[in-house]
Amino acid sequence: MQLDIGEVARQSGVPASTLRFYEEKGLIAPSGRRGLRRQFHADVLERLALIALGQACGFSLDEIAGMLASHGQVEIDRTLLAGKADELDRTIRRLVVLRDGLRHAAACPAPSHMECPTFRRIVHAAASGAIVERRGTRKLTASG
């Protein structure tokens, strides 16, 4: 089954301009043209879903392109997946520390936040880069 670019855009929710950009990046390829309109095989919808999943996981379009081999097969690098999972674990830990700090600050019984030892530890951890990830920094705790 062949779909024109407008139908692919409608079914996938991906704008035609993005489809053209993906084509330029080598992520998708039209099967031909009907008049001036690009035509795609219906399996482009699955490929677009894989691209969306890769982006949701934080992969760059270049990384995704490397997983979507030009011959139509999907070749996912398991080491790359494991590395991305590790990166997500670090992000989750950082966000948990930030969330817990915000919850503490919101409910802290101290008359002033600066009188609260826990809040002060959080402030100092942020100032030292222990909460905000900086290049090469992997400290993600505000415990001191």
Protein backbone atom coordinates (compact mmCIF):
# COMPACT_ATOMS: atom_id res chain seq x y z
CA MET A 1 0.00 0.00 0.00
CA GLN A 2 1.30 3.42 -0.96
CA LEU A 3 0.61 6.58 1.04
CA ASP A 4 1.27 10.10 -0.12
CA ILE A 5 3.11 12.49 2.19
CA GLY A 6 -0.13 14.13 3.33
CA GLU A 7 -1.61 10.79 4.36
CA VAL A 8 1.59 9.82 6.19
CA ALA A 9 1.49 13.16 8.01
CA ARG A 10 -2.17 12.65 8.94
CA GLN A 11 -1.77 9.06 10.14
CA SER A 12 1.49 9.61 12.01
CA GLY A 13 0.88 13.09 13.38
CA VAL A 14 4.28 14.11 12.00
CA PRO A 15 4.13 17.31 9.91
CA ALA A 16 5.06 17.04 6.23
CA SER A 17 7.94 19.45 6.81
CA THR A 18 9.37 17.07 9.42
CA LEU A 19 8.91 14.13 7.05
CA ARG A 20 10.95 15.99 4.43
CA PHE A 21 13.61 16.74 7.05
CA TYR A 22 13.70 13.05 8.07
CA GLU A 23 14.13 12.18 4.40
CA GLU A 24 17.10 14.59 4.15
CA LYS A 25 18.64 12.95 7.27
CA GLY A 26 18.19 9.48 5.74
CA LEU A 27 15.70 8.34 8.39
CA ILE A 28 12.93 7.61 5.88
CA ALA A 29 12.85 7.25 2.12
CA PRO A 30 9.97 7.75 -0.29
CA SER A 31 9.17 4.95 -2.67
CA GLY A 32 8.55 7.41 -5.49
CA ARG A 33 6.35 10.30 -6.51
CA ARG A 34 2.89 10.78 -7.88
CA GLY A 35 3.04 14.12 -9.57
CA LEU A 36 4.83 16.40 -7.12
CA ARG A 37 3.81 14.43 -4.00
CA ARG A 38 6.15 11.98 -2.34
CA GLN A 39 4.82 8.44 -1.96
CA PHE A 40 5.77 6.11 0.90
CA HIS A 41 5.24 2.44 1.64
CA ALA A 42 2.85 1.94 4.57
CA ASP A 43 5.72 0.56 6.68
CA VAL A 44 7.02 4.13 6.99
CA LEU A 45 4.48 4.53 9.80
CA GLU A 46 6.27 1.90 11.88
CA ARG A 47 9.60 3.54 11.11
CA LEU A 48 8.20 6.90 12.28
CA ALA A 49 6.99 5.21 15.48
CA LEU A 50 10.54 3.91 16.07
CA ILE A 51 11.91 7.41 15.49
CA ALA A 52 9.41 8.81 18.01
CA LEU A 53 10.39 6.15 20.55
CA GLY A 54 14.08 6.91 20.06
CA GLN A 55 13.47 10.62 20.55
CA ALA A 56 11.37 9.99 23.66
CA CYS A 57 14.30 8.01 25.06
CA GLY A 58 16.63 10.92 24.37
CA PHE A 59 18.50 9.60 21.35
CA SER A 60 19.65 12.11 18.74
CA LEU A 61 18.42 11.78 15.18
CA ASP A 62 21.93 10.74 14.14
CA GLU A 63 21.89 7.94 16.75
CA ILE A 64 18.45 6.87 15.56
CA ALA A 65 19.59 6.93 11.94
CA GLY A 66 22.39 4.55 12.87
CA MET A 67 19.82 2.11 14.23
CA LEU A 68 17.58 2.35 11.16
CA ALA A 69 19.76 0.71 8.56
CA SER A 70 19.30 1.89 5.00
CA HIS A 71 18.21 -1.57 3.80
CA GLY A 72 15.06 -1.32 5.92
CA GLN A 73 16.20 -3.46 8.83
CA VAL A 74 16.35 -2.19 12.39
CA GLU A 75 19.79 -2.71 13.94
CA ILE A 76 19.62 -1.51 17.53
CA ASP A 77 22.95 -1.24 19.35
CA ARG A 78 22.31 -2.89 22.72
CA THR A 79 25.36 -1.18 24.25
CA LEU A 80 23.93 2.19 23.22
CA LEU A 81 20.60 1.21 24.82
CA ALA A 82 22.32 0.23 28.07
CA GLY A 83 24.24 3.52 28.09
CA LYS A 84 21.05 5.50 27.57
CA ALA A 85 19.38 3.54 30.41
CA ASP A 86 22.32 4.42 32.68
CA GLU A 87 21.98 8.08 31.68
CA LEU A 88 18.26 7.97 32.50
CA ASP A 89 19.07 6.42 35.90
CA ARG A 90 21.39 9.35 36.66
CA THR A 91 18.73 11.83 35.58
CA ILE A 92 16.10 10.10 37.73
CA ARG A 93 18.38 10.21 40.78
CA ARG A 94 19.05 13.91 40.22
CA LEU A 95 15.35 14.66 39.81
CA VAL A 96 14.45 12.70 42.95
CA VAL A 97 16.96 14.74 44.95
CA LEU A 98 15.51 17.96 43.54
CA ARG A 99 11.92 16.85 44.17
CA ASP A 100 12.68 15.80 47.74
CA GLY A 101 14.46 19.10 48.37
CA LEU A 102 11.51 21.07 47.07
CA ARG A 103 9.06 19.05 49.18
CA HIS A 104 11.22 19.59 52.26
CA ALA A 105 11.49 23.33 51.60
CA ALA A 106 7.73 23.59 51.10
CA ALA A 107 6.95 21.85 54.42
CA CYS A 108 9.98 22.89 56.49
CA PRO A 109 8.94 24.02 60.00
CA ALA A 110 11.98 26.26 60.46
CA PRO A 111 11.15 29.99 60.79
CA SER A 112 13.48 30.71 57.86
CA HIS A 113 14.72 28.29 55.24
CA MET A 114 18.28 29.42 55.93
CA GLU A 115 17.87 28.26 59.56
CA CYS A 116 17.06 24.72 58.39
CA PRO A 117 20.16 22.44 58.29
CA THR A 118 18.63 20.23 55.59
CA PHE A 119 17.81 23.20 53.37
CA ARG A 120 21.32 24.61 53.86
CA ARG A 121 22.82 21.25 52.80
CA ILE A 122 20.67 21.36 49.66
CA VAL A 123 21.80 24.93 48.89
CA HIS A 124 25.47 24.00 49.36
CA ALA A 125 25.07 20.83 47.30
CA ALA A 126 23.58 22.87 44.46
CA ALA A 127 26.36 25.46 44.70
CA SER A 128 29.03 22.76 44.52
CA GLY A 129 27.45 21.14 41.48
CA ALA A 130 26.43 18.00 43.35
CA ILE A 131 22.81 18.32 42.24
CA VAL A 132 23.09 19.95 38.85
CA GLU A 133 24.90 17.66 36.47
CA ARG A 134 27.95 19.33 35.03
CA ARG A 135 30.37 17.84 32.56
CA GLY A 136 32.20 15.06 34.36
CA THR A 137 30.19 15.52 37.57
CA ARG A 138 28.14 12.58 38.73
CA LYS A 139 27.50 13.49 42.39
CA LEU A 140 23.76 13.47 42.79
CA THR A 141 23.04 13.68 46.48
CA ALA A 142 22.27 16.62 48.64
CA SER A 143 23.22 14.86 51.87
CA GLY A 144 26.26 16.92 52.53
